[in-house]
């Protein structure tokens, strides 16, 4: 759980820095807190993470389905 939160936070932070440095085109960034300046949300990154997770999940489930099944010993 902690690692997934770190991945999400890092993805948003790196994206914001890449935009500021000019490595990425300007994307819509929503500031989710008036008091905390680091609290951001980038919809494009959120969807990218979602697509990556779905793709990874499908690959894992396809690989699991092809595993050899144990045979019953008689």
N, C-alpha and C. Protein backbone atom coordinates (compact mmCIF):
# COMPACT_ATOMS: atom_id res chain seq x y z
N UNK A 1 0.82 -1.18 0.00
CA UNK A 1 0.00 0.00 0.00
C UNK A 1 0.88 1.26 0.00
N UNK A 2 1.91 1.24 0.80
CA UNK A 2 2.78 2.42 0.88
C UNK A 2 3.54 2.61 -0.42
N UNK A 3 3.97 1.52 -1.04
CA UNK A 3 4.71 1.62 -2.29
C UNK A 3 3.83 2.17 -3.40
N UNK A 4 2.56 1.78 -3.44
CA UNK A 4 1.67 2.29 -4.48
C UNK A 4 1.43 3.78 -4.30
N UNK A 5 1.30 4.24 -3.06
CA UNK A 5 1.11 5.67 -2.80
C UNK A 5 2.36 6.44 -3.21
N UNK A 6 3.53 5.87 -2.94
CA UNK A 6 4.78 6.52 -3.34
C UNK A 6 4.90 6.61 -4.85
N UNK A 7 4.47 5.57 -5.56
CA UNK A 7 4.50 5.58 -7.03
C UNK A 7 3.59 6.67 -7.58
N UNK A 8 2.39 6.77 -7.03
CA UNK A 8 1.44 7.79 -7.49
C UNK A 8 1.97 9.19 -7.21
N UNK A 9 2.45 9.42 -6.01
CA UNK A 9 2.99 10.74 -5.64
C UNK A 9 4.19 11.09 -6.52
N UNK A 10 5.07 10.13 -6.72
CA UNK A 10 6.25 10.37 -7.56
C UNK A 10 5.89 10.67 -9.00
N UNK A 11 4.89 9.97 -9.53
CA UNK A 11 4.47 10.21 -10.92
C UNK A 11 3.96 11.63 -11.10
N UNK A 12 3.15 12.10 -10.16
CA UNK A 12 2.64 13.47 -10.25
C UNK A 12 3.76 14.49 -10.09
N UNK A 13 4.67 14.24 -9.15
CA UNK A 13 5.76 15.18 -8.89
C UNK A 13 6.72 15.27 -10.08
N UNK A 14 7.11 14.12 -10.62
CA UNK A 14 8.04 14.11 -11.75
C UNK A 14 7.39 14.76 -12.98
N UNK A 15 6.10 14.51 -13.18
CA UNK A 15 5.41 15.13 -14.31
C UNK A 15 5.39 16.64 -14.18
N UNK A 16 5.10 17.14 -12.99
CA UNK A 16 5.08 18.60 -12.79
C UNK A 16 6.46 19.20 -13.05
N UNK A 17 7.50 18.55 -12.56
CA UNK A 17 8.85 19.06 -12.78
C UNK A 17 9.24 19.01 -14.25
N UNK A 18 8.85 17.95 -14.95
CA UNK A 18 9.16 17.84 -16.38
C UNK A 18 8.45 18.93 -17.18
N UNK A 19 7.23 19.27 -16.79
CA UNK A 19 6.51 20.36 -17.45
C UNK A 19 7.22 21.69 -17.20
N UNK A 20 7.63 21.92 -15.96
CA UNK A 20 8.31 23.17 -15.62
C UNK A 20 9.65 23.31 -16.35
N UNK A 21 10.32 22.19 -16.59
CA UNK A 21 11.60 22.23 -17.29
C UNK A 21 11.46 22.22 -18.81
N UNK A 22 10.24 22.03 -19.29
CA UNK A 22 9.99 22.08 -20.72
C UNK A 22 10.16 20.73 -21.43
N UNK A 23 10.29 19.65 -20.67
CA UNK A 23 10.43 18.33 -21.28
C UNK A 23 9.10 17.74 -21.72
N UNK A 24 8.02 18.19 -21.14
CA UNK A 24 6.67 17.75 -21.50
C UNK A 24 5.84 18.97 -21.89
N UNK A 25 4.86 18.77 -22.75
CA UNK A 25 3.97 19.89 -23.05
C UNK A 25 3.13 20.24 -21.83
N UNK A 26 2.59 21.43 -21.84
CA UNK A 26 1.76 21.86 -20.71
C UNK A 26 0.52 20.99 -20.59
N UNK A 27 0.32 20.45 -19.42
CA UNK A 27 -0.85 19.65 -19.11
C UNK A 27 -1.68 20.36 -18.06
N UNK A 28 -2.92 19.97 -17.95
CA UNK A 28 -3.78 20.57 -16.93
C UNK A 28 -3.37 20.04 -15.56
N UNK A 29 -3.04 20.92 -14.65
CA UNK A 29 -2.67 20.56 -13.28
C UNK A 29 -3.69 21.19 -12.35
N UNK A 30 -4.32 20.36 -11.53
CA UNK A 30 -5.29 20.86 -10.56
C UNK A 30 -4.63 20.85 -9.19
N UNK A 31 -4.68 21.99 -8.52
CA UNK A 31 -4.18 22.08 -7.14
C UNK A 31 -5.32 21.70 -6.22
N UNK A 32 -5.14 20.62 -5.47
CA UNK A 32 -6.23 20.08 -4.66
C UNK A 32 -6.34 20.72 -3.29
N UNK A 33 -5.37 21.54 -2.91
CA UNK A 33 -5.42 22.20 -1.60
C UNK A 33 -5.01 23.65 -1.75
N UNK A 34 -5.74 24.52 -1.08
CA UNK A 34 -5.41 25.94 -1.09
C UNK A 34 -4.20 26.20 -0.19
N UNK A 35 -4.08 25.47 0.89
CA UNK A 35 -3.01 25.69 1.86
C UNK A 35 -1.69 25.02 1.47
N UNK A 36 -1.77 23.83 0.89
CA UNK A 36 -0.57 23.07 0.54
C UNK A 36 -0.28 23.21 -0.95
N UNK A 37 0.86 23.78 -1.30
CA UNK A 37 1.17 24.02 -2.72
C UNK A 37 1.57 22.74 -3.44
N UNK A 38 2.07 21.74 -2.74
CA UNK A 38 2.51 20.51 -3.38
C UNK A 38 1.40 19.53 -3.69
N UNK A 39 0.20 19.81 -3.25
CA UNK A 39 -0.93 18.91 -3.47
C UNK A 39 -1.46 19.14 -4.87
N UNK A 40 -1.08 18.28 -5.83
CA UNK A 40 -1.52 18.46 -7.21
C UNK A 40 -2.18 17.19 -7.73
N UNK A 41 -2.94 17.36 -8.79
CA UNK A 41 -3.59 16.25 -9.48
C UNK A 41 -3.49 16.52 -10.98
N UNK A 42 -2.95 15.56 -11.72
CA UNK A 42 -2.81 15.69 -13.17
C UNK A 42 -3.65 14.57 -13.79
N UNK A 43 -4.80 14.90 -14.38
CA UNK A 43 -5.68 13.85 -14.92
C UNK A 43 -4.99 12.95 -15.94
N UNK A 44 -4.13 13.49 -16.79
CA UNK A 44 -3.44 12.69 -17.80
C UNK A 44 -2.57 11.61 -17.16
N UNK A 45 -1.88 11.97 -16.10
CA UNK A 45 -1.02 11.00 -15.39
C UNK A 45 -1.89 9.95 -14.71
N UNK A 46 -3.00 10.37 -14.14
CA UNK A 46 -3.90 9.44 -13.48
C UNK A 46 -4.41 8.38 -14.47
N UNK A 47 -4.82 8.80 -15.65
CA UNK A 47 -5.29 7.86 -16.67
C UNK A 47 -4.14 6.98 -17.17
N UNK A 48 -2.96 7.54 -17.29
CA UNK A 48 -1.81 6.75 -17.70
C UNK A 48 -1.49 5.64 -16.71
N UNK A 49 -1.55 5.96 -15.42
CA UNK A 49 -1.33 4.95 -14.39
C UNK A 49 -2.41 3.88 -14.45
N UNK A 50 -3.65 4.29 -14.68
CA UNK A 50 -4.76 3.35 -14.78
C UNK A 50 -4.56 2.38 -15.94
N UNK A 51 -4.21 2.91 -17.10
CA UNK A 51 -3.99 2.06 -18.28
C UNK A 51 -2.83 1.10 -18.03
N UNK A 52 -1.78 1.58 -17.40
CA UNK A 52 -0.64 0.71 -17.09
C UNK A 52 -1.00 -0.42 -16.14
N UNK A 53 -1.82 -0.12 -15.14
CA UNK A 53 -2.23 -1.14 -14.18
C UNK A 53 -3.13 -2.17 -14.85
N UNK A 54 -4.07 -1.73 -15.68
CA UNK A 54 -4.96 -2.66 -16.37
C UNK A 54 -4.16 -3.55 -17.31
N UNK A 55 -3.22 -2.97 -18.03
CA UNK A 55 -2.39 -3.75 -18.96
C UNK A 55 -1.56 -4.78 -18.19
N UNK A 56 -0.97 -4.35 -17.11
CA UNK A 56 -0.15 -5.25 -16.28
C UNK A 56 -1.01 -6.38 -15.70
N UNK A 57 -2.22 -6.05 -15.26
CA UNK A 57 -3.11 -7.05 -14.69
C UNK A 57 -3.53 -8.08 -15.72
N UNK A 58 -3.79 -7.65 -16.93
CA UNK A 58 -4.18 -8.59 -17.98
C UNK A 58 -3.01 -9.50 -18.36
N UNK A 59 -1.81 -8.96 -18.40
CA UNK A 59 -0.64 -9.79 -18.70
C UNK A 59 -0.43 -10.83 -17.61
N UNK A 60 -0.57 -10.41 -16.36
CA UNK A 60 -0.37 -11.33 -15.24
C UNK A 60 -1.42 -12.43 -15.24
N UNK A 61 -2.69 -12.08 -15.51
CA UNK A 61 -3.74 -13.08 -15.48
C UNK A 61 -3.60 -14.05 -16.66
N UNK A 62 -3.14 -13.56 -17.81
CA UNK A 62 -2.93 -14.45 -18.95
C UNK A 62 -1.79 -15.42 -18.67
N UNK A 63 -0.76 -14.93 -18.02
CA UNK A 63 0.37 -15.79 -17.67
C UNK A 63 -0.06 -16.83 -16.63
N UNK A 64 -0.88 -16.43 -15.68
CA UNK A 64 -1.34 -17.36 -14.65
C UNK A 64 -2.23 -18.44 -15.25
N UNK A 65 -3.00 -18.10 -16.27
CA UNK A 65 -3.89 -19.08 -16.90
C UNK A 65 -3.10 -20.13 -17.67
N UNK A 66 -1.89 -19.81 -18.09
CA UNK A 66 -1.10 -20.76 -18.88
C UNK A 66 -0.15 -21.60 -18.03
N UNK A 67 -0.16 -21.38 -16.72
CA UNK A 67 0.70 -22.18 -15.85
C UNK A 67 0.28 -23.63 -15.91
N UNK A 68 1.23 -24.54 -15.77
CA UNK A 68 0.83 -25.95 -15.73
C UNK A 68 0.04 -26.24 -14.45
N UNK A 69 -1.05 -26.93 -14.63
CA UNK A 69 -1.89 -27.27 -13.48
C UNK A 69 -1.39 -28.59 -12.89
N UNK A 70 -1.41 -28.70 -11.58
CA UNK A 70 -0.97 -29.96 -10.98
C UNK A 70 -1.96 -31.07 -11.31
N UNK A 71 -1.43 -32.23 -11.57
CA UNK A 71 -2.30 -33.36 -11.88
C UNK A 71 -2.59 -34.12 -10.60
N UNK A 72 -3.77 -34.69 -10.53
CA UNK A 72 -4.15 -35.47 -9.35
C UNK A 72 -3.46 -36.82 -9.40
N UNK A 73 -2.83 -37.16 -8.33
CA UNK A 73 -2.14 -38.46 -8.29
C UNK A 73 -3.13 -39.53 -7.82
N UNK A 74 -3.10 -40.68 -8.49
CA UNK A 74 -4.02 -41.76 -8.12
C UNK A 74 -3.28 -42.93 -7.58
